Each structure stands twice: as structure tokens, then as C-alpha cells.
Amino acid sequence: MTTAPSSALFDRVALIGVGLIGSSLARAIRRHGLARTIAVADQGEGVAARALALGLCDEAGEDAVAAVRGADLVMLCTPVGAGEAIARAIGPALAPGAIVSDVGSVKARVIEMIAPHLPAGVHLVPGHPVAGTEKSGPESGFAELFEGRWCILTPLPTTDARAVDKVAELWRRVGMVIETMDPDTHDKVLAITSHLPHLIAYTIVGTAADLEDHLSQKVIAFSAGGFRDFTRIAGSDPVMWRDVFLNNREAVLEILQRFTEDLTALQRAIRWGEGDTLEALFTKTRAIRQAVIEAKQA
């Protein structure tokens, strides 16, 4: 057991899943002394052993039920599609007063999947640390991942305020700025800021892959800034993003329809040589990019 300072927020934190986010959170909890014991569960082949060897945790194994026993915080760091099965399995083992949270980029559907399987007296505080890279696995994490980034919490109106405050304080101490939203608003915001860009990136890279072989090779050879950036996004965990699109389908489809309409208008402007229309759009979007930089989210 790791000795933590008296300022530790939690006695035992159980991290279910130890990919990029889970391993980064483990490192950040260690660095800031936020838990006395960190337990990890991951069913990936050899992943738990690697997490233990890396010093990310005090206990590690494949059994989520064993990890959550006695935990006062359980953080689900798996693809969102796994949430229901995990909640069903761990529900009977959760201690009274325990907090269950998550890191998924879909919130309404996650609440529907997890909440029914939690016993009375266990507090659900859904969360989404808006941070990441295209890398995955326990070796890819780093404690600084969360610094200066937003963490969105989407508690239900009936959620115990003290539980929400403790989860917020955890993310605050690892460097994040906290925002609270209702789940549906979160899912619509993330559909445009994260999910649609990933869908576009996967599509563009897929289109390049489907070109005739000699053209595809040229695209790879001359992949300067624009295409290279799309390949970085498209290199993200395929299972995670499959689950995101399937579990946030309504918001994604709504935003995708709006994007399709805008793309059609842009296609028309190009076809008819409407330079003023193009320049006006590019000027507006350039200003948005500048706002992102000024908000230190670049």
C-alpha cells in the first residue's frame, strides 16, 4: 500500500480500464497524493501486469469486482459500450457511500446503462475529462495530460452534492477546470467539437486508402500538415470511437446533417466561383481558431 498524505481525497480508488486516460489518471493521483491505495482492473492481455510493473497502482488484475471491493471511488475508464456489463458485475460489491464515475465522451447513454445497476447509497457522478491523444495503452499515459483542460461533470439532479464536490476536487487537483452540464447538452456539444471531427478524419483517411494504389502511395508520401493531422486523429482507438458513435448516435446524426448541408453550400460556392462566400467563411473560421488559441485549448 502506498503511503499518501493526510490530504488524500480517497482511501481506495479503483480504476476499471488502464488505457491512456486510466493510466494518466493513475499517474496524476500518485503525483498529487490523492489516494492511499490505487487498484486497477483490465481484461486486456497482460495489461494489468504492465500497469503494476509501471508502478501505476498497488493492486492489479483482470477482475473488476475484486478491484472495487472497499473502494470509495470507482472510475470507469473503458470504452463506453462496456459500461453496462461492468456496472452489472460490480454493483453488488460496491461499498455503501461509494462514488462511481467515468471518463467517457458520451453521457446520456452512459447514465442509462450504469445507473440502474448501482445499489442505493452509491453515488453516480458521470464525468468527461476533455483531454487525450491518439495513443492507447498503459505506457501511453502521463500525469500532465489533464493540466489546463476542461472536465465536464453531468450529475443527475438527485445526486449527492458532496459526492459531486469530491469528484470535482479530484479533477481540479490534477489540473483540470470544472464545468457542469446536463447530459444532453454535453452530448450535443461534444458531437460538434469532438465526434464529428473524428468522423470526418476517419472518412478522409478512408477515402485516401480507397484510391488507386499509385495515388494512395503519393498521398502518404506527400501528407503535409492537413492530411497528416487527419491521420493523427484517425489513429485513435477504434473500439472507443465505435462505441462513441453508437451511443451518441442521435446527437451525431443531428450535427452530421447540419454539416452535410453546410458542405453542400460550400460545394455550390466552389462550383459557381463564389469567392466572396468562400473568403467570408474562411475569415469566420479563422477567428474561431484564434479564440481556441486564446482559450489555451490549442
Protein backbone atom coordinates (compact mmCIF):
# COMPACT_ATOMS: atom_id res chain seq x y z
CA MET A 1 0.00 0.00 0.00
CA THR A 2 1.31 3.43 -0.92
CA THR A 3 1.59 5.99 1.85
CA ALA A 4 -0.37 9.10 0.93
CA PRO A 5 -0.52 12.41 2.76
CA SER A 6 -3.38 13.17 5.13
CA SER A 7 -4.81 15.38 2.37
CA ALA A 8 -5.69 12.29 0.28
CA LEU A 9 -9.21 12.64 -1.08
CA PHE A 10 -9.88 8.91 -1.21
CA ASP A 11 -8.80 5.85 0.69
CA ARG A 12 -9.07 3.39 -2.22
CA VAL A 13 -9.55 4.29 -5.88
CA ALA A 14 -10.43 1.54 -8.33
CA LEU A 15 -9.66 2.26 -11.99
CA ILE A 16 -11.52 -0.05 -14.35
CA GLY A 17 -9.51 0.15 -17.56
CA VAL A 18 -5.97 1.45 -17.78
CA GLY A 19 -5.53 2.87 -21.26
CA LEU A 20 -4.46 6.43 -21.97
CA ILE A 21 -6.93 8.11 -19.60
CA GLY A 22 -6.83 5.47 -16.87
CA SER A 23 -3.04 5.29 -16.79
CA SER A 24 -2.70 9.08 -16.90
CA LEU A 25 -5.15 9.42 -14.01
CA ALA A 26 -3.25 6.79 -12.02
CA ARG A 27 -0.03 8.73 -12.53
CA ALA A 28 -1.69 12.02 -11.58
CA ILE A 29 -3.28 10.52 -8.45
CA ARG A 30 0.14 9.20 -7.45
CA ARG A 31 1.86 12.52 -8.10
CA HIS A 32 -0.63 14.55 -6.09
CA GLY A 33 -1.19 12.02 -3.30
CA LEU A 34 -4.94 11.80 -3.85
CA ALA A 35 -5.47 8.19 -2.75
CA ARG A 36 -3.92 5.80 -0.25
CA THR A 37 -4.42 2.78 -2.50
CA ILE A 38 -4.91 2.50 -6.26
CA ALA A 39 -6.39 -0.71 -7.63
CA VAL A 40 -6.58 -1.44 -11.35
CA ALA A 41 -8.66 -3.93 -13.30
CA ASP A 42 -8.24 -4.51 -17.02
CA GLN A 43 -9.07 -7.62 -19.04
CA GLY A 44 -6.65 -6.81 -21.85
CA GLU A 45 -3.99 -9.47 -22.23
CA GLY A 46 -1.12 -8.62 -19.89
CA VAL A 47 -2.35 -5.06 -19.33
CA ALA A 48 -2.85 -5.35 -15.56
CA ALA A 49 0.62 -6.81 -15.11
CA ARG A 50 2.13 -4.00 -17.18
CA ALA A 51 0.30 -1.40 -15.09
CA LEU A 52 1.70 -2.94 -11.92
CA ALA A 53 5.20 -3.11 -13.38
CA LEU A 54 4.98 0.55 -14.35
CA GLY A 55 4.18 1.45 -10.75
CA LEU A 56 0.77 2.86 -11.65
CA CYS A 57 -1.07 1.02 -8.89
CA ASP A 58 -0.80 -1.03 -5.72
CA GLU A 59 -3.02 -3.86 -6.96
CA ALA A 60 -3.84 -5.06 -10.45
CA GLY A 61 -5.79 -7.88 -12.05
CA GLU A 62 -8.48 -8.72 -14.56
CA ASP A 63 -11.35 -8.90 -12.04
CA ALA A 64 -13.24 -5.60 -11.70
CA VAL A 65 -15.28 -6.98 -8.79
CA ALA A 66 -12.13 -7.59 -6.75
CA ALA A 67 -10.81 -4.12 -7.57
CA VAL A 68 -13.92 -2.26 -6.40
CA ARG A 69 -14.30 -4.02 -3.04
CA GLY A 70 -13.73 -1.41 -0.35
CA ALA A 71 -13.22 1.39 -2.89
CA ASP A 72 -14.67 4.79 -2.08
CA LEU A 73 -14.15 5.88 -5.71
CA VAL A 74 -14.63 3.68 -8.77
CA MET A 75 -13.63 5.27 -12.07
CA LEU A 76 -14.73 3.55 -15.27
CA CYS A 77 -12.04 4.18 -17.90
CA THR A 78 -13.22 1.70 -20.52
CA PRO A 79 -14.95 2.26 -23.89
CA VAL A 80 -18.48 3.46 -23.14
CA GLY A 81 -20.09 0.34 -24.61
CA ALA A 82 -18.63 -1.74 -21.78
CA GLY A 83 -20.25 0.34 -19.05
CA GLU A 84 -23.47 -1.63 -18.59
CA ALA A 85 -21.80 -5.03 -18.23
CA ILE A 86 -19.25 -3.62 -15.79
CA ALA A 87 -21.90 -1.85 -13.69
CA ARG A 88 -24.00 -5.02 -13.55
CA ALA A 89 -20.98 -7.02 -12.37
CA ILE A 90 -19.63 -4.62 -9.77
CA GLY A 91 -22.93 -3.34 -8.39
CA PRO A 92 -23.33 -5.95 -5.61
CA ALA A 93 -19.69 -5.45 -4.50
CA LEU A 94 -19.82 -1.67 -4.12
CA ALA A 95 -19.47 -0.28 -0.62
CA PRO A 96 -22.22 1.94 0.81
CA GLY A 97 -21.37 5.57 0.12
CA ALA A 98 -19.00 4.72 -2.74
CA ILE A 99 -18.82 7.07 -5.72
CA VAL A 100 -18.93 5.70 -9.26
CA SER A 101 -17.71 7.98 -12.05
CA ASP A 102 -16.45 7.58 -15.59
CA VAL A 103 -14.39 9.32 -18.28
CA GLY A 104 -16.49 8.65 -21.38
CA SER A 105 -17.26 11.28 -24.01
CA VAL A 106 -20.93 10.24 -24.10
CA LYS A 107 -23.05 10.96 -21.05
CA ALA A 108 -26.82 10.45 -21.51
CA ARG A 109 -26.50 6.86 -22.72
CA VAL A 110 -23.84 6.06 -20.11
CA ILE A 111 -26.19 7.16 -17.34
CA GLU A 112 -28.94 4.95 -18.79
CA MET A 113 -26.57 1.97 -18.84
CA ILE A 114 -24.95 2.39 -15.42
CA ALA A 115 -27.48 3.95 -13.03
CA PRO A 116 -29.95 1.02 -12.87
CA HIS A 117 -27.23 -1.35 -11.66
CA LEU A 118 -25.96 0.73 -8.73
CA PRO A 119 -27.37 -0.04 -5.28
CA ALA A 120 -29.00 2.55 -3.07
CA GLY A 121 -26.43 4.65 -1.24
CA VAL A 122 -23.90 4.55 -4.10
CA HIS A 123 -23.44 7.88 -5.88
CA LEU A 124 -23.13 8.18 -9.66
CA VAL A 125 -21.16 11.24 -10.85
CA PRO A 126 -20.63 10.95 -14.61
CA GLY A 127 -17.66 12.89 -15.92
CA HIS A 128 -15.67 13.60 -19.03
CA PRO A 129 -12.08 14.86 -18.88
CA VAL A 130 -11.77 16.57 -22.26
CA ALA A 131 -8.16 15.58 -22.85
CA GLY A 132 -6.35 12.89 -24.78
CA THR A 133 -4.07 11.85 -27.57
CA GLU A 134 -4.37 9.23 -30.29
CA LYS A 135 -2.22 6.82 -28.22
CA SER A 136 -3.57 3.98 -26.09
CA GLY A 137 -2.33 1.51 -23.52
CA PRO A 138 -0.86 1.92 -20.00
CA GLU A 139 2.51 3.05 -21.33
CA SER A 140 0.93 5.98 -23.19
CA GLY A 141 -0.30 7.87 -20.13
CA PHE A 142 1.31 10.88 -18.49
CA ALA A 143 0.31 12.84 -15.39
CA GLU A 144 0.31 16.20 -17.18
CA LEU A 145 -2.41 15.15 -19.65
CA PHE A 146 -5.15 16.94 -17.72
CA GLU A 147 -3.41 20.21 -16.90
CA GLY A 148 -5.30 23.27 -18.12
CA ARG A 149 -8.03 21.18 -19.76
CA TRP A 150 -11.77 21.06 -19.10
CA CYS A 151 -13.52 18.34 -17.16
CA ILE A 152 -17.28 18.24 -17.68
CA LEU A 153 -19.43 16.69 -14.95
CA THR A 154 -23.04 15.71 -15.67
CA PRO A 155 -24.58 14.71 -12.33
CA LEU A 156 -28.28 13.99 -12.04
CA PRO A 157 -30.38 16.49 -10.04
CA THR A 158 -30.73 13.92 -7.26
CA THR A 159 -27.00 13.19 -6.97
CA ASP A 160 -25.48 13.91 -3.55
CA ALA A 161 -23.73 17.29 -3.76
CA ARG A 162 -20.84 16.12 -1.57
CA ALA A 163 -20.08 13.30 -3.99
CA VAL A 164 -20.08 15.73 -6.92
CA ASP A 165 -17.75 18.05 -5.00
CA LYS A 166 -15.27 15.22 -4.30
CA VAL A 167 -15.10 14.16 -7.93
CA ALA A 168 -14.72 17.79 -9.00
CA GLU A 169 -11.93 18.25 -6.47
CA LEU A 170 -10.10 15.17 -7.79
CA TRP A 171 -10.06 16.56 -11.31
CA ARG A 172 -9.24 20.04 -10.05
CA ARG A 173 -6.18 18.78 -8.17
CA VAL A 174 -4.82 17.05 -11.28
CA GLY A 175 -5.04 20.37 -13.12
CA MET A 176 -8.45 20.49 -14.76
CA VAL A 177 -11.03 23.26 -14.97
CA ILE A 178 -14.51 22.07 -13.97
CA GLU A 179 -17.74 22.67 -15.87
CA THR A 180 -21.15 21.19 -15.05
CA MET A 181 -23.70 20.44 -17.80
CA ASP A 182 -26.83 18.39 -18.23
CA PRO A 183 -26.08 15.15 -20.13
CA ASP A 184 -27.96 16.05 -23.31
CA THR A 185 -26.19 19.40 -23.66
CA HIS A 186 -22.84 17.68 -23.15
CA ASP A 187 -23.58 15.14 -25.87
CA LYS A 188 -24.59 17.80 -28.40
CA VAL A 189 -21.54 19.96 -27.63
CA LEU A 190 -19.17 17.03 -27.93
CA ALA A 191 -20.87 15.86 -31.13
CA ILE A 192 -19.62 19.02 -32.86
CA THR A 193 -16.33 19.59 -31.05
CA SER A 194 -15.06 16.00 -30.96
CA HIS A 195 -17.24 13.32 -32.51
CA LEU A 196 -17.86 14.94 -35.91
CA PRO A 197 -14.15 15.85 -36.39
CA HIS A 198 -13.22 12.23 -35.71
CA LEU A 199 -15.86 11.00 -38.13
CA ILE A 200 -14.54 13.37 -40.81
CA ALA A 201 -10.96 12.29 -40.16
CA TYR A 202 -11.83 8.60 -40.43
CA THR A 203 -13.71 9.31 -43.67
CA ILE A 204 -10.94 11.36 -45.29
CA VAL A 205 -8.26 8.83 -44.42
CA GLY A 206 -10.56 6.03 -45.58
CA THR A 207 -11.11 7.83 -48.88
CA ALA A 208 -7.35 8.10 -49.36
CA ALA A 209 -6.95 4.41 -48.59
CA ASP A 210 -9.51 3.54 -51.27
CA LEU A 211 -7.75 5.45 -54.05
CA GLU A 212 -5.91 3.58 -56.75
CA ASP A 213 -2.69 2.21 -55.31
CA HIS A 214 -0.34 4.66 -57.02
CA LEU A 215 -2.42 7.65 -55.87
CA SER A 216 -2.72 6.30 -52.33
CA GLN A 217 1.06 5.96 -52.09
CA LYS A 218 1.51 9.53 -53.34
CA VAL A 219 -0.96 10.79 -50.73
CA ILE A 220 1.05 9.12 -47.97
CA ALA A 221 4.35 10.37 -49.35
CA PHE A 222 3.16 13.97 -49.58
CA SER A 223 0.99 14.08 -46.46
CA ALA A 224 1.87 17.58 -45.26
CA GLY A 225 0.08 19.40 -42.43
CA GLY A 226 -3.59 18.95 -43.31
CA PHE A 227 -3.75 15.26 -44.19
CA ARG A 228 -1.13 14.41 -41.57
CA ASP A 229 -3.32 15.97 -38.86
CA PHE A 230 -6.30 13.93 -40.04
CA THR A 231 -4.26 10.72 -39.85
CA ARG A 232 -3.32 11.57 -36.25
CA ILE A 233 -6.99 11.83 -35.29
CA ALA A 234 -7.88 8.75 -37.33
CA GLY A 235 -5.21 6.81 -35.44
CA SER A 236 -7.34 6.86 -32.27
CA ASP A 237 -8.63 3.72 -30.54
CA PRO A 238 -11.16 2.13 -32.97
CA VAL A 239 -13.15 0.33 -30.24
CA MET A 240 -13.54 3.50 -28.20
CA TRP A 241 -14.76 5.50 -31.19
CA ARG A 242 -17.06 2.74 -32.41
CA ASP A 243 -18.79 2.89 -29.02
CA VAL A 244 -18.91 6.70 -29.04
CA PHE A 245 -20.79 6.83 -32.34
CA LEU A 246 -23.16 4.01 -31.46
CA ASN A 247 -24.00 5.51 -28.07
CA ASN A 248 -24.29 9.15 -29.13
CA ARG A 249 -25.94 8.44 -32.47
CA GLU A 250 -28.82 10.92 -32.19
CA ALA A 251 -26.64 13.95 -31.43
CA VAL A 252 -24.02 12.90 -34.00
CA LEU A 253 -26.62 12.38 -36.72
CA GLU A 254 -28.19 15.78 -35.98
CA ILE A 255 -24.84 17.57 -36.24
CA LEU A 256 -23.83 15.48 -39.25
CA GLN A 257 -26.98 16.58 -41.08
CA ARG A 258 -26.18 20.24 -40.41
CA PHE A 259 -22.60 19.68 -41.55
CA THR A 260 -23.80 17.98 -44.73
CA GLU A 261 -25.99 20.98 -45.53
CA ASP A 262 -23.09 23.38 -44.94
CA LEU A 263 -20.81 21.21 -47.08
CA THR A 264 -23.35 21.27 -49.90
CA ALA A 265 -23.47 25.07 -49.75
CA LEU A 266 -19.67 25.20 -49.85
CA GLN A 267 -19.64 22.82 -52.83
CA ARG A 268 -22.04 25.16 -54.63
CA ALA A 269 -19.85 28.19 -53.88
CA ILE A 270 -16.82 26.42 -55.36
CA ARG A 271 -18.74 25.26 -58.42
CA TRP A 272 -20.04 28.77 -59.19
CA GLY A 273 -16.83 30.59 -58.34
CA GLU A 274 -18.32 32.49 -55.41
CA GLY A 275 -15.04 33.78 -53.98
CA ASP A 276 -16.68 36.22 -51.58
CA THR A 277 -18.66 33.39 -49.99
CA LEU A 278 -15.53 31.30 -49.53
CA GLU A 279 -13.50 34.17 -48.11
CA ALA A 280 -16.26 35.13 -45.67
CA LEU A 281 -16.43 31.55 -44.36
CA PHE A 282 -12.66 31.23 -44.06
CA THR A 283 -12.45 34.57 -42.23
CA LYS A 284 -15.10 33.50 -39.72
CA THR A 285 -13.48 30.13 -39.08
CA ARG A 286 -10.05 31.73 -38.70
CA ALA A 287 -11.47 33.87 -35.91
CA ILE A 288 -12.76 30.74 -34.16
CA ARG A 289 -9.29 29.20 -34.35
CA GLN A 290 -7.84 32.33 -32.75
CA ALA A 291 -10.42 32.09 -29.97
CA VAL A 292 -9.39 28.48 -29.32
CA ILE A 293 -5.74 29.56 -29.05
CA GLU A 294 -6.61 32.40 -26.67
CA ALA A 295 -8.57 29.97 -24.51
CA LYS A 296 -5.37 27.87 -24.26
CA GLN A 297 -7.13 24.84 -25.77
CA ALA A 298 -4.88 24.56 -28.84
